[in-house]
Amino acid sequence: MKLLFLGPPGAGKGTQAKMVAEKFNLMHIAPGDIFRQEVREGTELGRLVEGIMAEGRLVPDDVTTQIIEKRINSPEAANGFVLDGFPRNVAQAEALAQILGARNDGLDLVINLEVPEEELLERARTRRVCSACGKPYNIKLDPPKTEGKCDVCGETLITRQDDNEETVKQRLKIYHEVTEPLFEYYNRDGIVISINGCGDLDSVFQRIVQSLEEKGLSGKR
């Protein structure tokens, strides 16, 4: 199964993509998570992208595409993958098509999570991440068991630098201008489905799984 999650910043793509990947034993590929890990580790790539991400801008296509190609062609992705945060524009989509086309492959489904903009801004205000392992939380929709502490490693939760309202609005502006054209791009193949991304995590997840079942994809391993 080869899936792509689309939707505006804060729609829950990362969380839902991880849940789907875990359920169907797929590799979760998320450039944003990869970049943030590099920033935490202080690598050369991390230093390159830190300022870009803090301002809500997109990492250059060539950097992102190289990272994606490496992971798609890795043994861990042999069973399939879930893309989250790539492609973000038509040029990246065409690069992805070339990567998959080289192995006579393609995407099975594009899942678009729909969430109103005011809800997205509220989610940004209530989102926290672990300062150590990067696990995301929402203090309203998906709070930690202990306030301010990560369920996984027990470290302190923080507000991401790129979750301030000004940066989120800038990211939404870029999304509308740059990423939304992907709907038309993938609609040519008839593989886009829209899912209501509002509500608790489990409700949204069940909508996604039901859609996969209706498309005959849930039995693929």
Protein backbone atom coordinates (compact mmCIF):
# COMPACT_ATOMS: atom_id res chain seq x y z
CA MET A 1 0.00 0.00 0.00
CA LYS A 2 1.40 3.37 -1.03
CA LEU A 3 -0.44 6.33 0.50
CA LEU A 4 -0.04 10.09 0.59
CA PHE A 5 -1.61 12.37 3.22
CA LEU A 6 -2.52 15.92 2.22
CA GLY A 7 -4.10 18.72 4.20
CA PRO A 8 -3.23 22.12 5.69
CA PRO A 9 -0.65 22.54 8.47
CA GLY A 10 -2.13 21.29 11.73
CA ALA A 11 -4.78 19.07 10.12
CA GLY A 12 -3.37 16.00 11.87
CA LYS A 13 -1.57 14.44 8.91
CA GLY A 14 1.42 13.34 10.98
CA THR A 15 -0.57 11.66 13.74
CA GLN A 16 -2.99 9.91 11.39
CA ALA A 17 -0.24 8.87 8.97
CA LYS A 18 1.67 7.22 11.84
CA MET A 19 -1.46 5.41 13.02
CA VAL A 20 -2.20 4.11 9.52
CA ALA A 21 1.43 3.08 9.02
CA GLU A 22 1.42 1.15 12.29
CA LYS A 23 -1.90 -0.59 11.59
CA PHE A 24 -0.89 -1.77 8.12
CA ASN A 25 2.83 -2.31 8.77
CA LEU A 26 3.94 0.45 6.40
CA MET A 27 6.93 2.80 6.56
CA HIS A 28 6.00 6.31 7.73
CA ILE A 29 7.98 8.90 5.75
CA ALA A 30 7.72 12.49 7.01
CA PRO A 31 10.33 15.08 5.99
CA GLY A 32 9.23 17.40 8.80
CA ASP A 33 10.00 14.78 11.45
CA ILE A 34 13.32 13.99 9.77
CA PHE A 35 14.31 17.67 9.63
CA ARG A 36 13.32 18.32 13.27
CA GLN A 37 15.40 15.34 14.41
CA GLU A 38 18.38 16.72 12.49
CA VAL A 39 17.85 20.12 14.17
CA ARG A 40 17.77 18.50 17.64
CA GLU A 41 20.97 16.59 16.85
CA GLY A 42 22.70 19.70 15.52
CA THR A 43 23.70 18.09 12.21
CA GLU A 44 24.75 19.98 9.08
CA LEU A 45 21.29 19.37 7.58
CA GLY A 46 19.69 20.51 10.84
CA ARG A 47 21.57 23.80 10.79
CA LEU A 48 20.57 24.30 7.15
CA VAL A 49 16.84 23.84 7.70
CA GLU A 50 16.39 25.29 11.22
CA GLY A 51 16.01 28.91 10.15
CA ILE A 52 13.90 27.99 7.13
CA MET A 53 11.40 26.05 9.26
CA ALA A 54 11.25 28.69 12.00
CA GLU A 55 10.10 31.23 9.41
CA GLY A 56 7.45 28.88 8.00
CA ARG A 57 9.21 28.52 4.64
CA LEU A 58 9.70 25.26 2.72
CA VAL A 59 12.99 23.39 2.60
CA PRO A 60 14.44 23.40 -0.97
CA ASP A 61 12.97 20.72 -3.23
CA ASP A 62 16.26 19.03 -4.07
CA VAL A 63 17.15 18.49 -0.40
CA THR A 64 13.72 17.08 0.44
CA THR A 65 13.50 14.88 -2.67
CA GLN A 66 16.85 13.20 -1.99
CA ILE A 67 15.74 12.28 1.52
CA ILE A 68 12.42 10.88 0.27
CA GLU A 69 13.99 8.82 -2.52
CA LYS A 70 16.44 7.23 -0.10
CA ARG A 71 13.64 6.13 2.22
CA ILE A 72 11.21 4.96 -0.47
CA ASN A 73 13.91 2.69 -1.89
CA SER A 74 15.01 1.39 1.51
CA PRO A 75 14.28 -2.22 2.61
CA GLU A 76 12.01 -0.85 5.37
CA ALA A 77 9.61 0.48 2.70
CA ALA A 78 9.38 -2.80 0.77
CA ASN A 79 5.93 -3.48 2.24
CA GLY A 80 4.66 -0.01 1.32
CA PHE A 81 4.76 3.46 2.82
CA VAL A 82 2.75 6.44 4.03
CA LEU A 83 3.98 9.85 2.88
CA ASP A 84 3.27 12.79 5.18
CA GLY A 85 4.44 16.27 4.20
CA PHE A 86 5.78 15.33 0.77
CA PRO A 87 5.10 16.29 -1.95
CA ARG A 88 4.21 19.88 -1.03
CA ASN A 89 4.12 21.24 -4.57
CA VAL A 90 3.67 20.04 -8.15
CA ALA A 91 7.42 19.97 -8.84
CA GLN A 92 7.89 17.58 -5.90
CA ALA A 93 4.92 15.51 -7.10
CA GLU A 94 6.55 15.14 -10.50
CA ALA A 95 9.83 14.14 -8.83
CA LEU A 96 7.93 11.55 -6.78
CA ALA A 97 6.30 10.21 -9.95
CA GLN A 98 9.76 9.76 -11.46
CA ILE A 99 11.05 7.96 -8.36
CA LEU A 100 8.09 5.57 -8.35
CA GLY A 101 7.99 5.28 -12.14
CA ALA A 102 11.58 4.04 -12.16
CA ARG A 103 10.26 0.91 -10.43
CA ASN A 104 6.98 0.77 -12.41
CA ASP A 105 5.04 1.87 -9.36
CA GLY A 106 2.68 4.65 -8.26
CA LEU A 107 0.53 5.90 -5.40
CA ASP A 108 -2.59 3.92 -4.47
CA LEU A 109 -4.47 6.73 -2.72
CA VAL A 110 -4.18 10.38 -1.67
CA ILE A 111 -5.98 11.14 1.61
CA ASN A 112 -6.94 14.79 2.08
CA LEU A 113 -7.75 15.82 5.66
CA GLU A 114 -10.17 18.76 5.76
CA VAL A 115 -10.13 21.10 8.80
CA PRO A 116 -11.42 24.73 8.98
CA GLU A 117 -8.73 27.40 9.32
CA GLU A 118 -9.89 28.70 12.72
CA GLU A 119 -9.67 25.16 14.08
CA LEU A 120 -6.13 24.90 12.69
CA LEU A 121 -5.07 28.07 14.53
CA GLU A 122 -6.59 26.77 17.76
CA ARG A 123 -4.73 23.47 17.36
CA ALA A 124 -1.45 25.34 16.93
CA ARG A 125 -2.11 27.20 20.17
CA THR A 126 -2.72 23.92 22.03
CA ARG A 127 -0.04 21.74 20.37
CA ARG A 128 3.02 20.56 22.31
CA VAL A 129 5.94 18.28 21.43
CA CYS A 130 8.42 16.35 23.53
CA SER A 131 11.72 18.20 23.83
CA ALA A 132 13.61 14.89 23.65
CA CYS A 133 11.87 12.39 21.35
CA GLY A 134 9.62 14.79 19.41
CA LYS A 135 6.33 12.97 20.08
CA PRO A 136 3.45 15.42 19.40
CA TYR A 137 0.50 16.12 21.70
CA ASN A 138 -2.51 18.39 21.78
CA ILE A 139 -3.46 19.45 25.28
CA LYS A 140 -7.16 19.37 24.30
CA LEU A 141 -7.49 16.57 21.73
CA ASP A 142 -4.59 14.29 22.71
CA PRO A 143 -3.18 15.33 26.10
CA PRO A 144 -0.30 13.52 27.85
CA LYS A 145 -1.11 11.30 30.83
CA THR A 146 0.94 13.61 33.06
CA GLU A 147 0.62 17.33 32.39
CA GLY A 148 3.71 18.74 30.70
CA LYS A 149 5.48 15.37 30.46
CA CYS A 150 5.95 12.97 27.54
CA ASP A 151 4.19 9.60 27.88
CA VAL A 152 7.07 7.85 26.10
CA CYS A 153 10.24 9.20 27.72
CA GLY A 154 9.03 11.48 30.53
CA GLU A 155 10.80 14.58 29.24
CA THR A 156 9.31 18.09 29.20
CA LEU A 157 6.78 19.11 26.54
CA ILE A 158 7.41 22.36 24.70
CA THR A 159 5.71 24.59 22.14
CA ARG A 160 7.39 24.29 18.76
CA GLN A 161 9.00 27.49 17.48
CA ASP A 162 6.97 27.23 14.27
CA ASP A 163 3.64 26.92 16.15
CA ASN A 164 3.24 30.63 16.89
CA GLU A 165 0.20 32.20 15.21
CA GLU A 166 2.16 34.40 12.81
CA THR A 167 4.19 31.46 11.49
CA VAL A 168 1.10 29.25 11.22
CA LYS A 169 -0.69 31.89 9.14
CA GLN A 170 2.37 32.14 6.89
CA ARG A 171 2.42 28.35 6.50
CA LEU A 172 -1.29 28.39 5.60
CA LYS A 173 -0.67 31.09 2.99
CA ILE A 174 2.09 29.00 1.42
CA TYR A 175 -0.15 25.93 1.59
CA HIS A 176 -2.97 27.63 -0.34
CA GLU A 177 -0.60 29.00 -2.96
CA VAL A 178 1.78 26.07 -3.38
CA THR A 179 0.25 22.82 -2.12
CA GLU A 180 -3.45 23.05 -3.00
CA PRO A 181 -2.70 22.63 -6.75
CA LEU A 182 -1.78 19.05 -5.87
CA PHE A 183 -5.48 18.21 -5.60
CA GLU A 184 -5.95 18.92 -9.29
CA TYR A 185 -2.69 17.11 -10.10
CA TYR A 186 -3.75 13.89 -8.37
CA ASN A 187 -7.43 14.19 -9.25
CA ARG A 188 -6.43 13.47 -12.85
CA ASP A 189 -5.77 9.92 -11.68
CA GLY A 190 -8.92 9.80 -9.55
CA ILE A 191 -7.04 8.76 -6.42
CA VAL A 192 -7.94 11.65 -4.06
CA ILE A 193 -10.43 11.15 -1.22
CA SER A 194 -11.37 13.83 1.34
CA ILE A 195 -11.78 12.98 5.01
CA ASN A 196 -13.32 15.17 7.73
CA GLY A 197 -10.33 15.84 9.99
CA CYS A 198 -12.33 17.34 12.89
CA GLY A 199 -13.00 15.49 16.11
CA ASP A 200 -10.96 13.15 18.30
CA LEU A 201 -8.08 11.11 16.89
CA ASP A 202 -9.86 7.77 16.93
CA SER A 203 -12.93 9.09 15.09
CA VAL A 204 -10.79 10.54 12.29
CA PHE A 205 -8.73 7.35 12.15
CA GLN A 206 -11.84 5.19 11.78
CA ARG A 207 -13.03 7.37 8.89
CA ILE A 208 -9.71 6.82 7.14
CA VAL A 209 -9.69 3.05 7.70
CA GLN A 210 -13.27 2.81 6.48
CA SER A 211 -12.31 4.68 3.31
CA LEU A 212 -9.39 2.32 2.73
CA GLU A 213 -11.73 -0.64 3.14
CA GLU A 214 -14.21 0.87 0.68
CA LYS A 215 -11.36 1.28 -1.83
CA GLY A 216 -10.32 -2.34 -1.34
CA LEU A 217 -6.92 -1.35 0.02
CA SER A 218 -7.10 -2.44 3.65
CA GLY A 219 -6.42 -6.07 2.80
CA LYS A 220 -3.12 -5.23 1.12
CA ARG A 221 -0.02 -6.06 3.12
